[in-house]
């Protein structure tokens, strides 16, 4: 089987998104476990929580007019996962009546999606646009879903890319299957230790 090449900007190791071992400056970061986000005054941070378990499953960074939802996943050291994940995303969105367009952006290959929006009865009442970006790092993969003004306004789009690149991913040495979600931690809470 052919190894899947990593998908990342050529300057990822210096311009981000960085691995926690690559950080060479003393910026202020909010530590959310596997995802560390820069502390920026006009950017709100919200955790998306899985209802059934109460566990955080995504971090959303919000400005007044656009947002980025972030998730970090385990990945092999030598192979990328974004190419495969991007294909699965497109298939899933298209099968639900959405539309996708693949293009190459400043972060590499990305997916522009027109997602169906349903009302409470399940009837499709419209669509919303989203931009899926992904970067393969050392032993991790970071996915962002950008929505709002950053899809149409070039300045907001550049700001969204800069914010995505400012994220730091921390992967512990604990072995994990590829594509498993890296744990997100609520600030101030000690990591949960469970025995198998």
N, C-alpha and C. Protein backbone atom coordinates (compact mmCIF):
# COMPACT_ATOMS: atom_id res chain seq x y z
N UNK A 1 0.84 -1.18 0.00
CA UNK A 1 0.00 0.00 0.00
C UNK A 1 0.89 1.24 0.00
N UNK A 2 0.54 2.23 -0.80
CA UNK A 2 1.32 3.47 -0.86
C UNK A 2 1.06 4.33 0.37
N UNK A 3 2.12 4.92 0.89
CA UNK A 3 1.97 5.83 2.03
C UNK A 3 1.29 7.10 1.53
N UNK A 4 0.40 7.64 2.35
CA UNK A 4 -0.28 8.89 2.00
C UNK A 4 0.59 10.05 2.48
N UNK A 5 0.95 10.92 1.54
CA UNK A 5 1.82 12.04 1.90
C UNK A 5 1.10 12.99 2.83
N UNK A 6 1.89 13.63 3.68
CA UNK A 6 1.34 14.64 4.58
C UNK A 6 0.94 15.87 3.78
N UNK A 7 -0.17 16.48 4.18
CA UNK A 7 -0.66 17.69 3.53
C UNK A 7 -0.47 18.85 4.52
N UNK A 8 0.46 19.74 4.19
CA UNK A 8 0.74 20.88 5.08
C UNK A 8 1.48 21.94 4.29
N UNK A 9 1.33 23.22 4.68
CA UNK A 9 2.13 24.26 4.03
C UNK A 9 3.62 23.96 4.22
N UNK A 10 4.43 24.32 3.24
CA UNK A 10 5.87 24.04 3.30
C UNK A 10 6.53 24.65 4.54
N UNK A 11 5.98 25.77 5.05
CA UNK A 11 6.58 26.44 6.21
C UNK A 11 5.85 26.12 7.52
N UNK A 12 5.09 24.99 7.57
CA UNK A 12 4.33 24.65 8.77
C UNK A 12 5.18 24.62 10.03
N UNK A 13 6.38 24.05 9.96
CA UNK A 13 7.21 23.89 11.16
C UNK A 13 7.70 25.21 11.75
N UNK A 14 7.61 26.30 10.97
CA UNK A 14 8.01 27.61 11.51
C UNK A 14 6.84 28.58 11.59
N UNK A 15 5.85 28.46 10.68
CA UNK A 15 4.73 29.41 10.64
C UNK A 15 3.44 28.84 11.19
N UNK A 16 3.44 27.55 11.53
CA UNK A 16 2.28 26.93 12.15
C UNK A 16 1.31 26.34 11.16
N UNK A 17 0.34 25.57 11.73
CA UNK A 17 0.19 25.27 13.14
C UNK A 17 1.36 24.43 13.66
N UNK A 18 1.80 24.77 14.86
CA UNK A 18 3.00 24.15 15.42
C UNK A 18 2.66 22.97 16.33
N UNK A 19 3.61 22.06 16.43
CA UNK A 19 3.59 21.03 17.44
C UNK A 19 4.12 21.68 18.73
N UNK A 20 3.68 21.20 19.88
CA UNK A 20 4.11 21.81 21.15
C UNK A 20 5.63 21.75 21.33
N UNK A 21 6.30 20.80 20.65
CA UNK A 21 7.77 20.71 20.77
C UNK A 21 8.47 21.74 19.87
N UNK A 22 7.71 22.39 18.98
CA UNK A 22 8.31 23.33 18.02
C UNK A 22 8.20 24.80 18.45
N UNK A 23 7.46 25.07 19.53
CA UNK A 23 7.23 26.45 19.96
C UNK A 23 8.53 27.05 20.48
N UNK A 24 8.93 28.18 19.90
CA UNK A 24 10.19 28.82 20.28
C UNK A 24 9.99 30.25 20.78
N UNK A 25 8.77 30.58 21.19
CA UNK A 25 8.51 31.94 21.68
C UNK A 25 7.63 31.86 22.93
N UNK A 26 7.52 32.96 23.63
CA UNK A 26 6.78 32.98 24.89
C UNK A 26 5.43 33.66 24.75
N UNK A 27 4.61 33.20 23.81
CA UNK A 27 3.28 33.78 23.67
C UNK A 27 2.35 33.29 24.76
N UNK A 28 1.24 33.97 24.95
CA UNK A 28 0.23 33.56 25.92
C UNK A 28 -0.76 32.63 25.22
N UNK A 29 -0.92 31.42 25.76
CA UNK A 29 -1.82 30.44 25.17
C UNK A 29 -2.81 29.94 26.21
N UNK A 30 -4.02 29.66 25.75
CA UNK A 30 -5.00 29.00 26.58
C UNK A 30 -4.82 27.50 26.34
N UNK A 31 -4.48 26.77 27.40
CA UNK A 31 -4.18 25.35 27.31
C UNK A 31 -5.47 24.54 27.43
N UNK A 32 -5.87 23.91 26.33
CA UNK A 32 -7.08 23.09 26.31
C UNK A 32 -6.72 21.62 26.09
N UNK A 33 -5.56 21.22 26.61
CA UNK A 33 -5.11 19.85 26.43
C UNK A 33 -4.37 19.69 25.13
N UNK A 34 -5.00 19.02 24.15
CA UNK A 34 -4.33 18.77 22.88
C UNK A 34 -4.28 20.02 21.99
N UNK A 35 -5.16 20.98 22.25
CA UNK A 35 -5.20 22.22 21.46
C UNK A 35 -4.87 23.40 22.37
N UNK A 36 -3.91 24.19 21.92
CA UNK A 36 -3.54 25.41 22.66
C UNK A 36 -3.75 26.59 21.72
N UNK A 37 -4.59 27.52 22.16
CA UNK A 37 -4.96 28.64 21.30
C UNK A 37 -4.37 29.93 21.85
N UNK A 38 -3.94 30.84 20.96
CA UNK A 38 -3.37 32.09 21.42
C UNK A 38 -4.42 32.92 22.16
N UNK A 39 -4.01 33.56 23.24
CA UNK A 39 -4.92 34.44 23.99
C UNK A 39 -4.99 35.77 23.25
N UNK A 40 -6.10 36.00 22.56
CA UNK A 40 -6.30 37.22 21.78
C UNK A 40 -7.58 37.89 22.28
N UNK A 41 -7.49 39.20 22.56
CA UNK A 41 -8.62 39.92 23.16
C UNK A 41 -9.95 39.76 22.43
N UNK A 42 -9.96 39.93 21.12
CA UNK A 42 -11.24 39.95 20.41
C UNK A 42 -11.67 38.59 19.87
N UNK A 43 -11.08 37.50 20.39
CA UNK A 43 -11.44 36.15 19.96
C UNK A 43 -12.00 35.38 21.14
N UNK A 44 -13.26 34.96 21.02
CA UNK A 44 -13.88 34.16 22.07
C UNK A 44 -13.59 32.69 21.87
N UNK A 45 -13.53 31.94 22.97
CA UNK A 45 -13.25 30.50 22.91
C UNK A 45 -14.44 29.75 23.50
N UNK A 46 -14.97 28.82 22.72
CA UNK A 46 -16.12 28.03 23.16
C UNK A 46 -15.79 26.56 22.97
N UNK A 47 -16.15 25.73 23.94
CA UNK A 47 -15.95 24.29 23.81
C UNK A 47 -17.26 23.64 23.36
N UNK A 48 -17.18 22.79 22.34
CA UNK A 48 -18.33 22.00 21.89
C UNK A 48 -18.28 20.70 22.69
N UNK A 49 -19.39 20.36 23.36
CA UNK A 49 -19.41 19.21 24.25
C UNK A 49 -20.37 18.15 23.72
N UNK A 50 -19.93 16.89 23.77
CA UNK A 50 -20.78 15.77 23.37
C UNK A 50 -21.85 15.56 24.43
N UNK A 51 -23.12 15.60 24.02
CA UNK A 51 -24.22 15.53 24.99
C UNK A 51 -24.18 14.26 25.83
N UNK A 52 -23.96 13.13 25.20
CA UNK A 52 -24.04 11.83 25.90
C UNK A 52 -22.98 11.69 26.99
N UNK A 53 -21.77 12.19 26.72
CA UNK A 53 -20.67 11.96 27.67
C UNK A 53 -20.25 13.21 28.44
N UNK A 54 -20.63 14.38 27.94
CA UNK A 54 -20.19 15.63 28.59
C UNK A 54 -18.74 15.96 28.30
N UNK A 55 -18.12 15.19 27.39
CA UNK A 55 -16.71 15.42 27.05
C UNK A 55 -16.61 16.47 25.94
N UNK A 56 -15.62 17.39 26.08
CA UNK A 56 -15.40 18.35 24.99
C UNK A 56 -14.88 17.63 23.75
N UNK A 57 -15.45 17.97 22.57
CA UNK A 57 -15.02 17.30 21.34
C UNK A 57 -14.49 18.28 20.29
N UNK A 58 -14.65 19.58 20.54
CA UNK A 58 -14.14 20.58 19.59
C UNK A 58 -13.98 21.91 20.30
N UNK A 59 -13.10 22.74 19.75
CA UNK A 59 -12.87 24.09 20.25
C UNK A 59 -13.29 25.05 19.14
N UNK A 60 -14.14 26.02 19.46
CA UNK A 60 -14.53 27.01 18.46
C UNK A 60 -13.99 28.38 18.87
N UNK A 61 -13.29 29.01 17.93
CA UNK A 61 -12.77 30.37 18.13
C UNK A 61 -13.70 31.30 17.37
N UNK A 62 -14.24 32.31 18.07
CA UNK A 62 -15.24 33.18 17.46
C UNK A 62 -14.81 34.64 17.50
N UNK A 63 -15.02 35.32 16.37
CA UNK A 63 -14.89 36.77 16.34
C UNK A 63 -16.32 37.28 16.10
N UNK A 64 -16.47 38.56 15.91
CA UNK A 64 -17.82 39.08 15.67
C UNK A 64 -18.45 38.57 14.40
N UNK A 65 -17.66 38.28 13.37
CA UNK A 65 -18.25 37.97 12.07
C UNK A 65 -17.88 36.60 11.49
N UNK A 66 -16.96 35.88 12.09
CA UNK A 66 -16.59 34.56 11.59
C UNK A 66 -16.09 33.68 12.73
N UNK A 67 -16.00 32.38 12.46
CA UNK A 67 -15.52 31.44 13.48
C UNK A 67 -14.74 30.30 12.84
N UNK A 68 -13.95 29.64 13.68
CA UNK A 68 -13.23 28.41 13.27
C UNK A 68 -13.48 27.36 14.34
N UNK A 69 -13.97 26.20 13.90
CA UNK A 69 -14.08 25.07 14.82
C UNK A 69 -12.85 24.20 14.62
N UNK A 70 -12.18 23.85 15.72
CA UNK A 70 -10.93 23.09 15.65
C UNK A 70 -11.08 21.72 16.30
N UNK A 71 -10.47 20.72 15.65
CA UNK A 71 -10.34 19.39 16.23
C UNK A 71 -8.97 18.84 15.85
N UNK A 72 -8.31 18.20 16.81
CA UNK A 72 -7.01 17.57 16.55
C UNK A 72 -7.16 16.07 16.70
N UNK A 73 -6.53 15.33 15.79
CA UNK A 73 -6.65 13.88 15.77
C UNK A 73 -5.25 13.24 15.78
N UNK A 74 -5.19 12.02 16.28
CA UNK A 74 -3.95 11.25 16.22
C UNK A 74 -3.67 10.89 14.77
N UNK A 75 -2.39 10.84 14.41
CA UNK A 75 -2.00 10.47 13.05
C UNK A 75 -0.66 9.73 13.11
N UNK A 76 -0.38 8.92 12.09
CA UNK A 76 0.91 8.24 12.06
C UNK A 76 2.05 9.25 11.90
N UNK A 77 3.23 8.87 12.36
CA UNK A 77 4.40 9.75 12.26
C UNK A 77 4.77 10.03 10.80
N UNK A 78 4.65 9.01 9.94
CA UNK A 78 5.18 9.13 8.58
C UNK A 78 4.13 9.37 7.50
N UNK A 79 2.83 9.27 7.85
CA UNK A 79 1.80 9.42 6.83
C UNK A 79 0.82 10.51 7.20
N UNK A 80 0.19 11.08 6.18
CA UNK A 80 -0.84 12.08 6.42
C UNK A 80 -2.22 11.44 6.39
N UNK A 81 -3.22 12.13 6.98
CA UNK A 81 -4.59 11.64 6.96
C UNK A 81 -5.56 12.62 6.29
N UNK A 82 -5.14 13.87 6.06
CA UNK A 82 -6.07 14.88 5.53
C UNK A 82 -6.63 14.49 4.16
N UNK A 83 -5.80 13.93 3.29
CA UNK A 83 -6.27 13.55 1.95
C UNK A 83 -7.44 12.58 2.05
N UNK A 84 -7.32 11.58 2.91
CA UNK A 84 -8.38 10.58 3.09
C UNK A 84 -9.59 11.19 3.78
N UNK A 85 -9.36 11.97 4.85
CA UNK A 85 -10.46 12.59 5.60
C UNK A 85 -11.25 13.55 4.71
N UNK A 86 -10.54 14.31 3.88
CA UNK A 86 -11.19 15.27 2.97
C UNK A 86 -12.13 14.54 2.01
N UNK A 87 -11.69 13.40 1.48
CA UNK A 87 -12.52 12.60 0.59
C UNK A 87 -13.76 12.07 1.30
N UNK A 88 -13.59 11.60 2.55
CA UNK A 88 -14.72 11.08 3.32
C UNK A 88 -15.72 12.20 3.64
N UNK A 89 -15.20 13.38 3.97
CA UNK A 89 -16.05 14.53 4.27
C UNK A 89 -16.90 14.88 3.05
N UNK A 90 -16.25 14.97 1.89
CA UNK A 90 -16.96 15.32 0.66
C UNK A 90 -18.06 14.30 0.36
N UNK A 91 -17.73 13.03 0.52
CA UNK A 91 -18.71 11.95 0.28
C UNK A 91 -19.90 12.09 1.22
N UNK A 92 -19.62 12.34 2.50
CA UNK A 92 -20.67 12.47 3.51
C UNK A 92 -21.57 13.68 3.22
N UNK A 93 -20.96 14.82 2.92
CA UNK A 93 -21.72 16.05 2.65
C UNK A 93 -22.57 15.87 1.40
N UNK A 94 -21.99 15.31 0.34
CA UNK A 94 -22.73 15.10 -0.91
C UNK A 94 -23.89 14.12 -0.71
N UNK A 95 -23.69 13.09 0.13
CA UNK A 95 -24.76 12.10 0.35
C UNK A 95 -25.91 12.68 1.16
N UNK A 96 -25.67 13.79 1.87
CA UNK A 96 -26.72 14.44 2.65
C UNK A 96 -27.39 15.57 1.86
N UNK A 97 -27.07 15.65 0.55
CA UNK A 97 -27.70 16.67 -0.27
C UNK A 97 -26.92 17.97 -0.36
N UNK A 98 -25.70 17.99 0.20
CA UNK A 98 -24.86 19.19 0.10
C UNK A 98 -24.02 19.15 -1.16
N UNK A 99 -23.20 20.17 -1.33
CA UNK A 99 -22.30 20.23 -2.47
C UNK A 99 -20.90 20.57 -1.95
N UNK A 100 -19.89 20.05 -2.61
CA UNK A 100 -18.51 20.34 -2.22
C UNK A 100 -17.68 20.69 -3.44
N UNK A 101 -16.69 21.52 -3.20
CA UNK A 101 -15.73 21.88 -4.25
C UNK A 101 -14.34 21.84 -3.61
N UNK A 102 -13.44 21.10 -4.25
CA UNK A 102 -12.08 21.02 -3.74
C UNK A 102 -11.25 22.12 -4.39
N UNK A 103 -10.39 22.75 -3.60
CA UNK A 103 -9.49 23.76 -4.15
C UNK A 103 -8.23 23.79 -3.30
N UNK A 104 -7.22 24.49 -3.78
CA UNK A 104 -5.99 24.65 -3.01
C UNK A 104 -5.96 26.08 -2.49
N UNK A 105 -5.86 26.20 -1.18
CA UNK A 105 -5.80 27.51 -0.54
C UNK A 105 -4.44 27.73 0.08
N UNK A 106 -4.33 28.73 0.93
CA UNK A 106 -3.04 29.08 1.53
C UNK A 106 -2.53 28.00 2.49
N UNK A 107 -3.42 27.12 2.96
CA UNK A 107 -3.02 26.05 3.88
C UNK A 107 -2.88 24.71 3.16
N UNK A 108 -3.08 24.72 1.84
CA UNK A 108 -3.02 23.49 1.06
C UNK A 108 -4.40 23.11 0.56
N UNK A 109 -4.61 21.82 0.21
CA UNK A 109 -5.90 21.38 -0.29
C UNK A 109 -7.00 21.62 0.75
N UNK A 110 -8.16 22.11 0.29
CA UNK A 110 -9.26 22.37 1.20
C UNK A 110 -10.58 22.07 0.50
N UNK A 111 -11.64 22.08 1.27
CA UNK A 111 -12.96 21.76 0.77
C UNK A 111 -13.90 22.92 1.07
N UNK A 112 -14.55 23.45 0.03
CA UNK A 112 -15.59 24.44 0.22
C UNK A 112 -16.90 23.68 0.13
N UNK A 113 -17.74 23.80 1.16
CA UNK A 113 -18.96 23.01 1.20
C UNK A 113 -20.19 23.89 1.34
N UNK A 114 -21.23 23.49 0.63
CA UNK A 114 -22.55 24.10 0.79
C UNK A 114 -23.35 23.04 1.55
N UNK A 115 -23.59 23.31 2.83
CA UNK A 115 -24.22 22.32 3.71
C UNK A 115 -25.72 22.56 3.80
N UNK A 116 -26.53 21.51 3.70
CA UNK A 116 -27.97 21.70 3.85
C UNK A 116 -28.32 22.06 5.30
N UNK A 117 -29.26 22.99 5.48
CA UNK A 117 -29.73 23.37 6.80
C UNK A 117 -31.17 22.89 6.93
N UNK A 118 -31.44 22.10 7.97
CA UNK A 118 -32.78 21.53 8.15
C UNK A 118 -33.49 22.21 9.32
N UNK A 119 -34.82 22.25 9.26
CA UNK A 119 -35.58 22.77 10.39
C UNK A 119 -35.82 21.64 11.39
N UNK A 120 -36.58 21.92 12.45
CA UNK A 120 -36.79 20.91 13.50
C UNK A 120 -37.50 19.67 12.98
N UNK A 121 -38.29 19.84 11.93
CA UNK A 121 -39.01 18.69 11.36
C UNK A 121 -38.13 17.87 10.42
N UNK A 122 -36.91 18.36 10.15
CA UNK A 122 -35.99 17.63 9.28
C UNK A 122 -36.04 18.05 7.83
N UNK A 123 -36.89 19.02 7.51
CA UNK A 123 -36.98 19.50 6.12
C UNK A 123 -35.86 20.49 5.84
N UNK A 124 -35.22 20.38 4.68
CA UNK A 124 -34.15 21.29 4.31
C UNK A 124 -34.75 22.66 3.99
N UNK A 125 -34.26 23.69 4.70
CA UNK A 125 -34.81 25.04 4.54
C UNK A 125 -33.79 26.01 3.94
N UNK A 126 -32.60 25.53 3.68
CA UNK A 126 -31.58 26.41 3.09
C UNK A 126 -30.22 25.75 3.12
N UNK A 127 -29.20 26.54 2.88
CA UNK A 127 -27.83 26.03 2.92
C UNK A 127 -26.94 27.03 3.66
N UNK A 128 -25.81 26.53 4.14
CA UNK A 128 -24.81 27.43 4.71
C UNK A 128 -23.45 27.00 4.16
N UNK A 129 -22.57 27.97 3.99
CA UNK A 129 -21.24 27.69 3.46
C UNK A 129 -20.27 27.39 4.59
N UNK A 130 -19.31 26.52 4.32
CA UNK A 130 -18.23 26.23 5.27
C UNK A 130 -16.97 25.90 4.48
N UNK A 131 -15.84 26.22 5.05
CA UNK A 131 -14.54 25.92 4.44
C UNK A 131 -13.80 24.97 5.38
N UNK A 132 -13.52 23.76 4.90
CA UNK A 132 -12.80 22.77 5.69
C UNK A 132 -11.32 22.82 5.32
N UNK A 133 -10.47 23.06 6.32
CA UNK A 133 -9.03 23.07 6.10
C UNK A 133 -8.40 22.01 6.99
N UNK A 134 -7.26 21.48 6.57
CA UNK A 134 -6.59 20.46 7.36
C UNK A 134 -5.10 20.51 7.16
N UNK A 135 -4.38 20.24 8.23
CA UNK A 135 -2.91 20.21 8.18
C UNK A 135 -2.42 18.98 8.93
N UNK A 136 -1.58 18.20 8.25
CA UNK A 136 -0.94 17.05 8.89
C UNK A 136 0.34 17.51 9.57
N UNK A 137 0.45 17.27 10.87
CA UNK A 137 1.67 17.60 11.61
C UNK A 137 2.39 16.32 12.01
N UNK A 138 3.38 16.45 12.90
CA UNK A 138 4.08 15.25 13.38
C UNK A 138 3.19 14.47 14.36
N UNK A 139 2.67 13.33 13.95
CA UNK A 139 1.84 12.46 14.80
C UNK A 139 0.47 13.03 15.12
N UNK A 140 0.06 14.10 14.42
CA UNK A 140 -1.29 14.64 14.61
C UNK A 140 -1.78 15.26 13.31
N UNK A 141 -3.08 15.52 13.30
CA UNK A 141 -3.75 16.16 12.18
C UNK A 141 -4.70 17.19 12.78
N UNK A 142 -4.66 18.43 12.31
CA UNK A 142 -5.53 19.50 12.81
C UNK A 142 -6.52 19.88 11.71
N UNK A 143 -7.82 19.82 12.07
CA UNK A 143 -8.86 20.20 11.11
C UNK A 143 -9.56 21.46 11.60
N UNK A 144 -9.84 22.36 10.68
CA UNK A 144 -10.60 23.56 11.00
C UNK A 144 -11.80 23.66 10.08
N UNK A 145 -12.91 24.14 10.63
CA UNK A 145 -14.10 24.42 9.84
C UNK A 145 -14.37 25.91 10.00
N UNK A 146 -14.18 26.65 8.92
CA UNK A 146 -14.29 28.11 8.95
C UNK A 146 -15.66 28.50 8.40
N UNK A 147 -16.34 29.41 9.10
CA UNK A 147 -17.65 29.86 8.61
C UNK A 147 -17.80 31.36 8.88
N UNK A 148 -18.81 31.94 8.25
CA UNK A 148 -19.07 33.37 8.43
C UNK A 148 -18.34 34.21 7.39
N UNK A 149 -18.02 35.46 7.78
CA UNK A 149 -17.45 36.43 6.85
C UNK A 149 -16.11 36.00 6.26
N UNK A 150 -15.40 35.09 6.93
CA UNK A 150 -14.09 34.64 6.43
C UNK A 150 -14.21 33.84 5.14
N UNK A 151 -15.44 33.54 4.70
CA UNK A 151 -15.64 32.83 3.44
C UNK A 151 -15.76 33.80 2.26
N UNK A 152 -16.10 35.06 2.54
CA UNK A 152 -16.34 36.02 1.45
C UNK A 152 -15.45 37.26 1.52
N UNK A 153 -14.97 37.60 2.70
CA UNK A 153 -14.16 38.80 2.89
C UNK A 153 -12.68 38.42 2.91
N UNK A 154 -11.87 38.88 1.94
CA UNK A 154 -10.45 38.49 1.87
C UNK A 154 -9.67 38.81 3.14
N UNK A 155 -9.94 39.93 3.80
CA UNK A 155 -9.21 40.30 5.04
C UNK A 155 -9.57 39.31 6.16
N UNK A 156 -10.86 39.02 6.30
CA UNK A 156 -11.29 38.06 7.32
C UNK A 156 -10.74 36.67 7.01
N UNK A 157 -10.68 36.29 5.73
CA UNK A 157 -10.13 34.98 5.34
C UNK A 157 -8.66 34.88 5.73
N UNK A 158 -7.90 35.97 5.50
CA UNK A 158 -6.48 35.98 5.88
C UNK A 158 -6.33 35.91 7.40
N UNK A 159 -7.20 36.63 8.13
CA UNK A 159 -7.16 36.59 9.60
C UNK A 159 -7.46 35.18 10.11
N UNK A 160 -8.43 34.50 9.47
CA UNK A 160 -8.78 33.13 9.86
C UNK A 160 -7.60 32.19 9.64
N UNK A 161 -6.93 32.33 8.49
CA UNK A 161 -5.75 31.50 8.21
C UNK A 161 -4.65 31.77 9.24
N UNK A 162 -4.44 33.03 9.58
CA UNK A 162 -3.41 33.39 10.57
C UNK A 162 -3.74 32.78 11.93
N UNK A 163 -5.02 32.83 12.31
CA UNK A 163 -5.43 32.28 13.60
C UNK A 163 -5.25 30.76 13.61
N UNK A 164 -5.62 30.10 12.51
CA UNK A 164 -5.44 28.64 12.41
C UNK A 164 -3.96 28.29 12.55
N UNK A 165 -3.10 29.09 11.90
CA UNK A 165 -1.66 28.83 11.96
C UNK A 165 -1.08 29.11 13.36
N UNK A 166 -1.77 29.94 14.15
CA UNK A 166 -1.27 30.28 15.49
C UNK A 166 -1.59 29.20 16.54
N UNK A 167 -2.41 28.21 16.16
CA UNK A 167 -2.77 27.13 17.08
C UNK A 167 -1.57 26.21 17.29
N UNK A 168 -1.43 25.72 18.52
CA UNK A 168 -0.38 24.75 18.85
C UNK A 168 -1.07 23.44 19.23
N UNK A 169 -0.59 22.33 18.66
CA UNK A 169 -1.16 21.02 18.95
C UNK A 169 -0.20 20.26 19.86
N UNK A 170 -0.76 19.68 20.94
CA UNK A 170 0.06 18.88 21.87
C UNK A 170 -0.45 17.44 21.83
N UNK A 171 0.44 16.55 21.46
CA UNK A 171 0.09 15.12 21.47
C UNK A 171 0.98 14.44 22.50
N UNK A 172 0.36 13.78 23.46
CA UNK A 172 1.13 13.08 24.48
C UNK A 172 1.79 11.85 23.86
N UNK A 173 2.60 11.18 24.64
CA UNK A 173 3.27 9.98 24.15
C UNK A 173 2.38 8.73 24.23
N UNK A 174 1.16 8.89 24.75
CA UNK A 174 0.24 7.76 24.86
C UNK A 174 -0.15 7.29 23.46
N UNK A 175 0.06 6.01 23.12
CA UNK A 175 -0.31 5.53 21.79
C UNK A 175 -1.81 5.64 21.56
N UNK A 176 -2.18 6.08 20.36
CA UNK A 176 -3.59 6.20 19.99
C UNK A 176 -3.76 5.75 18.55
N UNK A 177 -4.90 5.14 18.22
CA UNK A 177 -5.15 4.78 16.82
C UNK A 177 -5.25 6.03 15.95
N UNK A 178 -4.76 5.97 14.72
CA UNK A 178 -4.89 7.11 13.81
C UNK A 178 -6.36 7.53 13.67
N UNK A 179 -6.57 8.83 13.60
CA UNK A 179 -7.88 9.48 13.43
C UNK A 179 -8.71 9.51 14.71
N UNK A 180 -8.17 9.02 15.84
CA UNK A 180 -8.87 9.20 17.11
C UNK A 180 -8.72 10.66 17.53
N UNK A 181 -9.78 11.22 18.09
CA UNK A 181 -9.78 12.60 18.55
C UNK A 181 -8.82 12.75 19.72
N UNK A 182 -7.90 13.71 19.64
CA UNK A 182 -7.01 13.97 20.77
C UNK A 182 -7.82 14.66 21.87
N UNK A 183 -7.54 14.34 23.15
CA UNK A 183 -8.38 14.84 24.23
C UNK A 183 -8.30 16.36 24.41
N UNK A 184 -9.48 16.96 24.57
CA UNK A 184 -9.59 18.39 24.85
C UNK A 184 -9.94 18.51 26.33
N UNK A 185 -9.30 19.44 26.99
CA UNK A 185 -9.45 19.59 28.43
C UNK A 185 -10.08 20.94 28.74
N UNK A 186 -11.04 20.95 29.66
CA UNK A 186 -11.63 22.21 30.10
C UNK A 186 -10.61 22.89 31.01
N UNK A 187 -10.29 24.19 30.78
CA UNK A 187 -9.29 24.86 31.61
C UNK A 187 -9.62 24.75 33.09
N UNK A 188 -8.59 24.47 33.88
CA UNK A 188 -8.77 24.38 35.33
C UNK A 188 -9.16 23.00 35.82
N UNK A 189 -9.47 22.09 34.91
CA UNK A 189 -9.80 20.73 35.32
C UNK A 189 -8.61 19.82 35.08
N UNK A 190 -8.31 18.99 36.05
CA UNK A 190 -7.21 18.04 35.88
C UNK A 190 -7.61 17.00 34.85
N UNK A 191 -6.64 16.50 34.08
CA UNK A 191 -6.98 15.47 33.09
C UNK A 191 -7.56 14.24 33.80
N UNK A 192 -8.52 13.61 33.16
CA UNK A 192 -9.16 12.40 33.72
C UNK A 192 -8.21 11.22 33.50
N UNK A 193 -7.96 10.48 34.57
CA UNK A 193 -7.14 9.28 34.45
C UNK A 193 -8.07 8.08 34.61
N UNK A 194 -8.10 7.25 33.60
CA UNK A 194 -8.96 6.06 33.69
C UNK A 194 -8.12 4.83 33.49
N UNK A 195 -8.47 3.76 34.17
CA UNK A 195 -7.74 2.51 33.97
C UNK A 195 -8.56 1.60 33.09
N UNK A 196 -7.88 0.83 32.27
CA UNK A 196 -8.59 -0.06 31.34
C UNK A 196 -8.82 -1.42 31.97
